[in-house]
Amino acid sequence: MKIFWILVQYEWRHFRAAKGLVVLTGLVLLVGLYGIYYGTTEINRQRQHLAELPTLARHNVEELKAKFPEPEDAGNIGYYHTTFAVHHPLPWASLSLGQRDVNPSYVKLRLLGLQGQLYAAENVNPTKMLSGNFDLAFVLVYLFPLLIIALCFNLLSSEREQGILPLLLAQPVSAGVVVGAKLTFRLGLVLGLAWLLSAVAMGWAQVPLDARVGLWLALVTLYCLFWFGVALVVTAWQRPSAFNAVAMVGLWLLLLVLVPGLLNVYVAAKRPVPQGIELTVKQREEIHGGWDKPKAETMNRFFALYPQWRDTTTIKERFVWRWYYAFQHLGDQSVQPLAAAYTSGLRQRYELVEQLNWLSPAVNVQTSLNALAGSDLPTHLAFQQSVVRYHDALRAYYYPFLFNKTPFTHADYAGEPIHTFTSTSETPTAVQGLWKLLISTIVVGSIGWWLLRARPVALR
């Protein structure tokens, strides 16, 4: 055991002398700090934007009060009045932005048809969308394996190529002890860096200190251990350093680029999802066609859904607001099967990825970190469902004014329902991902250790 720690100390001195590795490690540290800064800044920007929305809603109400100083037809109010359904992020989202960089954090709503408003996303810079956002999860999942490769591609091959391996093994020490000492130092260095960055990110984002902290650190630790297991497998083949480097980079490309790409193609083919444009076009066609249909036909279809308003006055005017909102809602109903298929298809795709992500630990860890941060697809779909319920509540509030011909007064603004939605951590998904990662790490590490012990060490 004393020799083991002597070797670890030697590795530390060797690392300090290798300026390239020191610079690379420092660069990864700086990139990680930038990822923390970017993620925190992005979430703070979203929070600031969401905090401004109530002010915009109040200004809209003040404008409507000035526009309609007397009690007014609720149809006019519903047409011009805007409100917001907001999706508040967890502090954890600063560490793993997930879906929050591609989906809107709020939906601007009026009393009109819902579907066209629900899928109207914020304008996003296409260049930014192409490059993607940069957070701590990205650094840990994509860049830390490259650091491990740089540290481990020549675990034994460098000594063999320098001709000192025979001298080293002539001492009372086995190759397994030498490799173990080298891996121990490198593992301590990488995990120390990963934990340091995680601690800085958690402190900066002010995440609550609960079980999720341990779950995050466990995922990060096992992911690093997996890549050290990969390095051990490659080392056990006892090939030259150049071959080891190419092999490890090839495995990085396989597990982080090729497999996720093929997985995406397979999932898209296996679980087709209706195009959003098809849903929007059909809804608009139904709404525009409502102007030309007989009012009695439109209202009878509406009353079949809401029989409580059947006894309201027959429409004789050329235009009346309750008829207008009726065919707006019927436009939503006409695309309801498509909307349900769209949501169901996205959920089925996500579930299929969950079943297959053991093929790529990178996909598994990214999915798990997003779930932990409340920035995954199920959370976004839950937000969309909350928007649907909120729009239903708005219609339920305005319909009595519309169908009973009750004037809408200034005091009635205060009675409008208010929407709020905050992300929640999908902890079961993260725990399931942790177990998959543990199995992958044990399998890869066991194979590497078995190969190292089974194959005699080549001294030249």
Protein backbone atom coordinates (compact mmCIF):
# COMPACT_ATOMS: atom_id res chain seq x y z
CA MET A 1 0.00 0.00 0.00
CA LYS A 2 2.93 2.34 0.73
CA ILE A 3 4.25 1.79 -2.79
CA PHE A 4 0.80 2.55 -4.15
CA TRP A 5 0.73 5.99 -2.55
CA ILE A 6 4.32 6.66 -3.56
CA LEU A 7 3.22 6.06 -7.15
CA VAL A 8 0.25 8.40 -6.68
CA GLN A 9 2.61 11.12 -5.42
CA TYR A 10 4.86 10.51 -8.40
CA GLU A 11 1.89 10.97 -10.72
CA TRP A 12 1.16 14.30 -9.06
CA ARG A 13 4.74 15.49 -9.64
CA HIS A 14 4.61 14.21 -13.20
CA PHE A 15 1.34 16.07 -13.79
CA ARG A 16 2.79 19.36 -12.53
CA ALA A 17 5.75 18.92 -14.86
CA ALA A 18 3.49 18.25 -17.86
CA LYS A 19 2.59 21.85 -18.72
CA GLY A 20 0.27 20.79 -21.50
CA LEU A 21 -1.94 18.78 -19.13
CA VAL A 22 -1.92 21.59 -16.57
CA VAL A 23 -3.01 24.08 -19.23
CA LEU A 24 -5.69 21.69 -20.52
CA THR A 25 -7.07 21.14 -17.01
CA GLY A 26 -7.09 24.87 -16.38
CA LEU A 27 -8.85 25.43 -19.70
CA VAL A 28 -11.56 22.91 -18.79
CA LEU A 29 -11.97 24.70 -15.46
CA LEU A 30 -12.40 28.05 -17.22
CA VAL A 31 -14.82 26.58 -19.76
CA GLY A 32 -16.80 25.04 -16.91
CA LEU A 33 -16.98 28.39 -15.12
CA TYR A 34 -18.19 29.99 -18.34
CA GLY A 35 -20.84 27.27 -18.67
CA ILE A 36 -22.00 28.09 -15.13
CA TYR A 37 -22.05 31.80 -15.95
CA TYR A 38 -23.97 31.23 -19.19
CA GLY A 39 -26.58 28.95 -17.64
CA THR A 40 -27.14 31.24 -14.67
CA THR A 41 -27.31 34.34 -16.86
CA GLU A 42 -29.80 32.67 -19.22
CA ILE A 43 -32.13 31.63 -16.39
CA ASN A 44 -31.85 35.08 -14.77
CA ARG A 45 -32.74 36.63 -18.14
CA GLN A 46 -35.81 34.41 -18.37
CA ARG A 47 -36.80 35.23 -14.78
CA GLN A 48 -36.44 38.95 -15.44
CA HIS A 49 -38.57 38.65 -18.56
CA LEU A 50 -41.24 36.69 -16.71
CA ALA A 51 -41.22 39.25 -13.89
CA GLU A 52 -42.09 41.98 -16.42
CA LEU A 53 -45.17 40.17 -17.75
CA PRO A 54 -47.55 41.12 -14.88
CA THR A 55 -46.65 44.77 -15.51
CA LEU A 56 -47.46 44.36 -19.21
CA ALA A 57 -50.78 42.73 -18.29
CA ARG A 58 -51.63 45.62 -15.92
CA HIS A 59 -50.78 48.16 -18.61
CA ASN A 60 -53.09 46.32 -20.99
CA VAL A 61 -55.91 46.50 -18.44
CA GLU A 62 -55.32 50.23 -17.93
CA GLU A 63 -55.44 50.78 -21.69
CA LEU A 64 -58.72 48.87 -21.93
CA LYS A 65 -60.20 50.87 -19.06
CA ALA A 66 -59.30 54.05 -20.91
CA LYS A 67 -60.62 52.66 -24.20
CA PHE A 68 -63.88 51.46 -22.60
CA PRO A 69 -64.64 53.83 -19.69
CA GLU A 70 -68.18 52.47 -19.29
CA PRO A 71 -69.41 48.87 -18.86
CA GLU A 72 -68.69 47.15 -22.15
CA ASP A 73 -69.58 44.03 -24.11
CA ALA A 74 -67.30 41.26 -22.82
CA GLY A 75 -66.58 40.29 -26.42
CA ASN A 76 -64.63 43.49 -26.95
CA ILE A 77 -62.69 42.94 -23.73
CA GLY A 78 -61.86 39.33 -24.59
CA TYR A 79 -60.65 40.32 -28.05
CA TYR A 80 -58.28 43.07 -26.94
CA HIS A 81 -57.28 41.85 -23.50
CA THR A 82 -54.03 39.85 -23.24
CA THR A 83 -52.79 37.76 -20.36
CA PHE A 84 -49.84 35.44 -19.88
CA ALA A 85 -49.28 31.82 -18.92
CA VAL A 86 -45.79 31.64 -17.43
CA HIS A 87 -43.39 28.76 -16.83
CA HIS A 88 -41.11 29.57 -13.89
CA PRO A 89 -37.77 27.68 -13.82
CA LEU A 90 -36.20 25.86 -10.91
CA PRO A 91 -32.81 27.11 -9.67
CA TRP A 92 -31.46 23.78 -10.95
CA ALA A 93 -32.24 24.85 -14.52
CA SER A 94 -29.14 27.08 -14.41
CA LEU A 95 -27.02 23.92 -14.32
CA SER A 96 -28.88 22.12 -17.11
CA LEU A 97 -30.97 24.31 -19.43
CA GLY A 98 -32.47 21.37 -21.31
CA GLN A 99 -35.68 22.26 -23.17
CA ARG A 100 -35.74 25.80 -21.81
CA ASP A 101 -33.42 26.98 -24.57
CA VAL A 102 -35.74 25.81 -27.36
CA ASN A 103 -39.25 26.19 -25.90
CA PRO A 104 -40.87 29.47 -24.80
CA SER A 105 -41.05 30.20 -21.08
CA TYR A 106 -44.45 31.87 -21.44
CA VAL A 107 -47.49 31.95 -23.73
CA LYS A 108 -49.36 35.14 -24.56
CA LEU A 109 -53.10 34.47 -24.52
CA ARG A 110 -56.35 36.06 -25.60
CA LEU A 111 -59.84 34.60 -25.61
CA LEU A 112 -59.40 33.48 -29.22
CA GLY A 113 -58.67 29.95 -30.41
CA LEU A 114 -56.03 28.34 -28.23
CA GLN A 115 -54.01 26.12 -30.56
CA GLY A 116 -52.64 28.93 -32.71
CA GLN A 117 -51.49 30.75 -29.56
CA LEU A 118 -50.14 27.70 -27.76
CA TYR A 119 -47.58 26.86 -30.43
CA ALA A 120 -46.56 30.44 -31.23
CA ALA A 121 -42.99 30.33 -29.90
CA GLU A 122 -40.69 33.22 -29.15
CA ASN A 123 -38.37 34.39 -31.91
CA VAL A 124 -34.96 32.77 -31.45
CA ASN A 125 -31.70 33.58 -33.20
CA PRO A 126 -31.23 30.66 -35.66
CA THR A 127 -27.44 30.84 -35.30
CA LYS A 128 -27.85 30.42 -31.56
CA MET A 129 -30.22 27.51 -32.11
CA LEU A 130 -27.68 25.84 -34.39
CA SER A 131 -24.82 26.09 -31.90
CA GLY A 132 -26.99 25.39 -28.87
CA ASN A 133 -26.72 26.81 -25.40
CA PHE A 134 -23.72 26.23 -23.18
CA ASP A 135 -24.24 25.14 -19.58
CA LEU A 136 -22.49 23.07 -16.93
CA ALA A 137 -24.28 19.89 -18.01
CA PHE A 138 -22.82 20.31 -21.52
CA VAL A 139 -19.31 20.69 -20.10
CA LEU A 140 -19.67 17.61 -17.89
CA VAL A 141 -21.26 15.39 -20.54
CA TYR A 142 -19.25 16.38 -23.63
CA LEU A 143 -15.96 17.92 -22.52
CA PHE A 144 -15.02 15.96 -19.40
CA PRO A 145 -14.66 12.70 -21.38
CA LEU A 146 -12.14 14.49 -23.60
CA LEU A 147 -10.19 15.57 -20.51
CA ILE A 148 -10.20 11.98 -19.27
CA ILE A 149 -8.97 10.80 -22.69
CA ALA A 150 -6.13 13.34 -22.61
CA LEU A 151 -5.11 12.15 -19.14
CA CYS A 152 -5.43 8.41 -19.73
CA PHE A 153 -4.55 7.56 -23.34
CA ASN A 154 -0.96 6.71 -22.34
CA LEU A 155 -1.42 5.13 -18.91
CA LEU A 156 1.14 2.36 -19.57
CA SER A 157 2.13 3.00 -23.15
CA SER A 158 4.23 6.08 -22.33
CA GLU A 159 6.46 4.11 -19.93
CA ARG A 160 6.68 1.29 -22.46
CA GLU A 161 7.64 3.66 -25.27
CA GLN A 162 10.23 5.39 -23.08
CA GLY A 163 11.73 2.04 -22.11
CA ILE A 164 11.22 2.46 -18.37
CA LEU A 165 8.35 0.00 -17.94
CA PRO A 166 10.70 -3.00 -17.43
CA LEU A 167 12.56 -1.05 -14.74
CA LEU A 168 9.32 -0.08 -13.06
CA LEU A 169 7.96 -3.64 -13.02
CA ALA A 170 11.31 -4.95 -11.79
CA GLN A 171 10.37 -3.40 -8.46
CA PRO A 172 8.10 -5.30 -6.05
CA VAL A 173 4.98 -3.92 -7.74
CA SER A 174 2.52 -5.38 -10.23
CA ALA A 175 1.16 -3.77 -13.36
CA GLY A 176 -2.26 -3.65 -11.72
CA VAL A 177 -0.89 -1.55 -8.86
CA VAL A 178 0.82 0.81 -11.31
CA VAL A 179 -2.35 1.27 -13.36
CA GLY A 180 -4.43 1.58 -10.19
CA ALA A 181 -2.19 4.35 -8.84
CA LYS A 182 -2.28 6.21 -12.15
CA LEU A 183 -6.06 5.93 -12.36
CA THR A 184 -6.49 6.95 -8.71
CA PHE A 185 -4.60 10.20 -9.21
CA ARG A 186 -6.39 11.02 -12.45
CA LEU A 187 -9.76 10.08 -10.98
CA GLY A 188 -9.13 12.32 -7.98
CA LEU A 189 -8.15 15.19 -10.27
CA VAL A 190 -11.17 14.86 -12.57
CA LEU A 191 -13.72 14.26 -9.81
CA GLY A 192 -12.28 17.12 -7.78
CA LEU A 193 -12.72 19.40 -10.77
CA ALA A 194 -16.24 18.12 -11.48
CA TRP A 195 -17.32 18.49 -7.85
CA LEU A 196 -15.75 21.95 -7.61
CA LEU A 197 -17.63 23.16 -10.68
CA SER A 198 -20.86 21.58 -9.41
CA ALA A 199 -20.45 23.23 -6.01
CA VAL A 200 -19.79 26.63 -7.60
CA ALA A 201 -22.82 26.23 -9.87
CA MET A 202 -25.10 25.16 -7.02
CA GLY A 203 -23.95 28.06 -4.86
CA TRP A 204 -24.32 30.56 -7.69
CA ALA A 205 -27.79 29.30 -8.59
CA GLN A 206 -28.77 29.02 -4.90
CA VAL A 207 -30.20 25.54 -5.29
CA PRO A 208 -31.80 24.05 -2.17
CA LEU A 209 -29.55 21.61 -0.33
CA ASP A 210 -31.61 18.44 -0.52
CA ALA A 211 -31.34 14.93 -1.93
CA ARG A 212 -31.03 16.30 -5.46
CA VAL A 213 -27.52 17.54 -4.65
CA GLY A 214 -26.42 13.98 -3.89
CA LEU A 215 -28.20 12.69 -6.98
CA TRP A 216 -26.45 15.23 -9.22
CA LEU A 217 -23.02 14.41 -7.76
CA ALA A 218 -23.71 10.67 -8.05
CA LEU A 219 -24.59 11.02 -11.75
CA VAL A 220 -21.49 13.11 -12.44
CA THR A 221 -19.24 10.72 -10.49
CA LEU A 222 -20.52 7.59 -12.20
CA TYR A 223 -20.27 9.21 -15.62
CA CYS A 224 -16.61 10.04 -15.01
CA LEU A 225 -16.02 6.51 -13.68
CA PHE A 226 -17.57 5.11 -16.85
CA TRP A 227 -15.06 6.96 -19.00
CA PHE A 228 -12.20 5.85 -16.78
CA GLY A 229 -13.51 2.33 -17.35
CA VAL A 230 -13.34 2.95 -21.10
CA ALA A 231 -9.75 4.14 -20.69
CA LEU A 232 -8.94 0.99 -18.72
CA VAL A 233 -10.36 -1.23 -21.48
CA VAL A 234 -8.27 0.52 -24.13
CA THR A 235 -5.16 0.44 -21.93
CA ALA A 236 -5.57 -3.30 -21.34
CA TRP A 237 -5.05 -3.95 -25.07
CA GLN A 238 -1.48 -2.62 -24.61
CA ARG A 239 -1.25 -0.76 -27.88
CA PRO A 240 0.86 2.35 -28.67
CA SER A 241 -0.21 5.74 -27.31
CA ALA A 242 -1.25 7.00 -30.75
CA PHE A 243 -3.54 4.00 -31.23
CA ASN A 244 -5.02 4.49 -27.75
CA ALA A 245 -5.72 8.16 -28.42
CA VAL A 246 -7.43 7.44 -31.73
CA ALA A 247 -9.43 4.58 -30.20
CA MET A 248 -10.65 6.68 -27.27
CA VAL A 249 -11.59 9.63 -29.46
CA GLY A 250 -13.38 7.19 -31.75
CA LEU A 251 -15.35 5.85 -28.79
CA TRP A 252 -16.15 9.43 -27.78
CA LEU A 253 -17.51 10.12 -31.26
CA LEU A 254 -19.42 6.84 -31.22
CA LEU A 255 -21.10 7.37 -27.85
CA LEU A 256 -21.66 11.13 -28.02
CA VAL A 257 -22.29 11.76 -31.72
CA LEU A 258 -23.04 8.66 -33.77
CA VAL A 259 -25.23 6.67 -31.36
CA PRO A 260 -27.35 9.71 -30.33
CA GLY A 261 -27.77 10.62 -34.01
CA LEU A 262 -28.86 7.11 -34.97
CA LEU A 263 -31.08 6.97 -31.91
CA ASN A 264 -32.77 10.19 -32.97
CA VAL A 265 -33.36 8.87 -36.50
CA TYR A 266 -34.75 5.57 -35.18
CA VAL A 267 -37.07 7.24 -32.66
CA ALA A 268 -38.36 9.69 -35.28
CA ALA A 269 -39.16 6.80 -37.63
CA LYS A 270 -40.61 4.57 -34.92
CA ARG A 271 -42.77 7.25 -33.29
CA PRO A 272 -43.89 9.70 -36.01
CA VAL A 273 -45.38 12.95 -34.75
CA PRO A 274 -47.89 15.09 -36.70
CA GLN A 275 -46.39 18.30 -38.03
CA GLY A 276 -47.30 21.40 -36.05
CA ILE A 277 -47.91 23.29 -39.30
CA GLU A 278 -50.64 20.80 -40.22
CA LEU A 279 -52.40 21.48 -36.93
CA THR A 280 -52.16 25.25 -37.34
CA VAL A 281 -53.37 25.25 -40.96
CA LYS A 282 -56.39 23.08 -40.19
CA GLN A 283 -57.38 25.25 -37.24
CA ARG A 284 -57.13 28.42 -39.32
CA GLU A 285 -59.18 26.85 -42.12
CA GLU A 286 -61.89 25.90 -39.63
CA ILE A 287 -61.93 29.36 -38.06
CA HIS A 288 -61.95 31.21 -41.38
CA GLY A 289 -64.67 28.89 -42.64
CA GLY A 290 -66.78 29.78 -39.62
CA TRP A 291 -67.55 33.17 -41.12
CA ASP A 292 -69.36 31.56 -44.05
CA LYS A 293 -71.33 28.90 -42.17
CA PRO A 294 -74.90 29.54 -41.01
CA LYS A 295 -74.91 30.89 -37.47
CA ALA A 296 -77.52 28.34 -36.41
CA GLU A 297 -75.28 25.48 -37.53
CA THR A 298 -72.29 26.91 -35.66
CA MET A 299 -74.24 27.54 -32.47
CA ASN A 300 -75.87 24.09 -32.51
CA ARG A 301 -72.41 22.51 -32.69
CA PHE A 302 -71.28 24.74 -29.84
CA PHE A 303 -74.37 23.99 -27.73
CA ALA A 304 -73.71 20.28 -28.14
CA LEU A 305 -70.50 20.92 -26.20
CA TYR A 306 -71.98 23.46 -23.78
CA PRO A 307 -75.70 22.71 -23.39
CA GLN A 308 -75.95 25.10 -20.43
CA TRP A 309 -75.98 28.03 -22.90
CA ARG A 310 -78.59 26.56 -25.27
CA ASP A 311 -81.39 28.71 -23.85
CA THR A 312 -79.64 31.98 -24.65
CA THR A 313 -81.16 34.37 -27.18
CA THR A 314 -81.21 33.29 -30.82
CA ILE A 315 -78.68 35.22 -32.89
CA LYS A 316 -80.31 37.50 -35.45
CA GLU A 317 -77.60 40.13 -35.82
CA ARG A 318 -75.02 40.06 -38.61
CA PHE A 319 -72.25 39.90 -36.01
CA VAL A 320 -72.33 39.02 -32.35
CA TRP A 321 -69.40 38.21 -30.12
CA ARG A 322 -70.71 34.96 -28.65
CA TRP A 323 -71.03 33.52 -32.16
CA TYR A 324 -67.49 34.69 -32.97
CA TYR A 325 -66.01 33.01 -29.88
CA ALA A 326 -68.11 29.92 -30.52
CA PHE A 327 -66.51 29.22 -33.90
CA GLN A 328 -63.10 30.13 -32.47
CA HIS A 329 -63.55 27.33 -29.95
CA LEU A 330 -64.92 24.99 -32.60
CA GLY A 331 -61.70 25.61 -34.53
CA ASP A 332 -59.80 24.28 -31.52
CA GLN A 333 -62.12 21.30 -31.27
CA SER A 334 -61.59 20.44 -34.94
CA VAL A 335 -57.85 19.93 -34.39
CA GLN A 336 -58.14 18.34 -30.96
CA PRO A 337 -57.30 14.84 -32.30
CA LEU A 338 -54.22 16.26 -34.03
CA ALA A 339 -53.18 18.16 -30.91
CA ALA A 340 -53.63 15.05 -28.77
CA ALA A 341 -51.65 12.97 -31.28
CA TYR A 342 -48.89 15.59 -31.31
CA THR A 343 -48.56 15.62 -27.53
CA SER A 344 -48.86 11.85 -27.28
CA GLY A 345 -46.27 11.38 -30.03
CA LEU A 346 -43.75 13.61 -28.26
CA ARG A 347 -44.32 11.76 -25.00
CA GLN A 348 -43.93 8.37 -26.70
CA ARG A 349 -40.70 9.52 -28.33
CA TYR A 350 -39.36 10.59 -24.97
CA GLU A 351 -40.34 7.28 -23.39
CA LEU A 352 -38.68 5.34 -26.23
CA VAL A 353 -35.48 7.35 -25.74
CA GLU A 354 -35.69 6.51 -22.04
CA GLN A 355 -35.85 2.82 -22.94
CA LEU A 356 -32.88 3.00 -25.32
CA ASN A 357 -30.59 5.55 -23.69
CA TRP A 358 -28.53 2.79 -22.08
CA LEU A 359 -26.89 2.56 -25.52
CA SER A 360 -25.27 5.94 -24.88
CA PRO A 361 -24.36 6.93 -21.32
CA ALA A 362 -24.08 10.51 -22.57
CA VAL A 363 -27.76 10.55 -23.61
CA ASN A 364 -28.68 8.85 -20.34
CA VAL A 365 -26.82 11.39 -18.22
CA GLN A 366 -28.06 14.40 -20.21
CA THR A 367 -31.65 13.16 -19.89
CA SER A 368 -31.20 12.52 -16.17
CA LEU A 369 -29.67 15.94 -15.49
CA ASN A 370 -32.47 17.66 -17.43
CA ALA A 371 -35.05 15.69 -15.45
CA LEU A 372 -33.35 16.68 -12.21
CA ALA A 373 -33.33 20.33 -13.29
CA GLY A 374 -37.00 20.29 -14.34
CA SER A 375 -36.00 21.29 -17.87
CA ASP A 376 -36.95 18.09 -19.70
CA LEU A 377 -39.70 17.42 -22.23
CA PRO A 378 -42.32 16.02 -19.78
CA THR A 379 -42.08 19.24 -17.76
CA HIS A 380 -42.68 21.33 -20.88
CA LEU A 381 -45.65 19.16 -21.86
CA ALA A 382 -47.03 19.59 -18.33
CA PHE A 383 -46.70 23.35 -18.76
CA GLN A 384 -48.62 23.19 -22.04
CA GLN A 385 -51.40 21.24 -20.34
CA SER A 386 -51.55 23.91 -17.65
CA VAL A 387 -51.97 26.50 -20.42
CA VAL A 388 -54.90 24.51 -21.82
CA ARG A 389 -56.53 24.44 -18.38
CA TYR A 390 -55.91 28.15 -17.94
CA HIS A 391 -57.52 28.98 -21.29
CA ASP A 392 -60.50 26.82 -20.29
CA ALA A 393 -60.73 28.83 -17.06
CA LEU A 394 -60.67 32.10 -19.02
CA ARG A 395 -63.48 30.91 -21.28
CA ALA A 396 -65.48 29.75 -18.26
CA TYR A 397 -65.05 33.22 -16.75
CA TYR A 398 -66.08 35.16 -19.88
CA TYR A 399 -68.88 32.93 -21.19
CA PRO A 400 -71.48 34.07 -18.60
CA PHE A 401 -70.85 37.68 -19.64
CA LEU A 402 -71.12 36.77 -23.32
CA PHE A 403 -74.16 34.52 -23.31
CA ASN A 404 -76.10 36.35 -20.58
CA LYS A 405 -75.26 39.70 -22.21
CA THR A 406 -73.88 40.96 -18.92
CA PRO A 407 -71.80 44.14 -19.32
CA PHE A 408 -68.15 43.81 -18.32
CA THR A 409 -67.18 46.46 -15.75
CA HIS A 410 -63.80 47.67 -14.57
CA ALA A 411 -64.20 45.71 -11.35
CA ASP A 412 -64.56 42.46 -13.32
CA TYR A 413 -60.91 42.50 -14.40
CA ALA A 414 -59.91 41.57 -10.86
CA GLY A 415 -61.95 38.37 -11.07
CA GLU A 416 -60.01 36.90 -13.97
CA PRO A 417 -58.15 33.66 -13.23
CA ILE A 418 -54.37 33.90 -12.94
CA HIS A 419 -51.92 31.33 -14.26
CA THR A 420 -48.74 30.10 -12.60
CA PHE A 421 -46.59 27.07 -13.24
CA THR A 422 -43.20 26.17 -11.76
CA SER A 423 -41.05 23.30 -12.96
CA THR A 424 -40.63 20.27 -10.74
CA SER A 425 -37.74 17.84 -10.70
CA GLU A 426 -38.49 14.49 -12.37
CA THR A 427 -36.52 12.66 -9.67
CA PRO A 428 -37.70 9.11 -10.58
CA THR A 429 -36.33 9.61 -14.11
CA ALA A 430 -32.98 10.75 -12.72
CA VAL A 431 -32.82 7.81 -10.29
CA GLN A 432 -33.62 5.37 -13.09
CA GLY A 433 -30.85 6.93 -15.16
CA LEU A 434 -28.46 6.57 -12.22
CA TRP A 435 -29.11 2.83 -12.00
CA LYS A 436 -28.54 2.39 -15.74
CA LEU A 437 -25.31 4.34 -15.49
CA LEU A 438 -24.17 2.27 -12.52
CA ILE A 439 -24.68 -0.94 -14.48
CA SER A 440 -22.84 0.46 -17.52
CA THR A 441 -19.94 1.59 -15.34
CA ILE A 442 -19.65 -1.75 -13.55
CA VAL A 443 -19.73 -3.67 -16.84
CA VAL A 444 -17.10 -1.51 -18.56
CA GLY A 445 -14.86 -1.32 -15.50
CA SER A 446 -15.06 -5.07 -14.93
CA ILE A 447 -14.16 -5.80 -18.55
CA GLY A 448 -11.19 -3.45 -18.37
CA TRP A 449 -9.89 -4.91 -15.10
CA TRP A 450 -10.36 -8.48 -16.34
CA LEU A 451 -8.48 -7.74 -19.57
CA LEU A 452 -5.66 -6.10 -17.66
CA ARG A 453 -5.25 -9.11 -15.38
CA ALA A 454 -5.76 -11.71 -18.11
CA ARG A 455 -3.29 -10.30 -20.62
CA PRO A 456 0.44 -10.40 -19.74
CA VAL A 457 2.03 -6.97 -19.74
CA ALA A 458 4.09 -6.36 -22.86
CA LEU A 459 7.36 -4.71 -21.82
CA ARG A 460 8.20 -3.55 -25.35
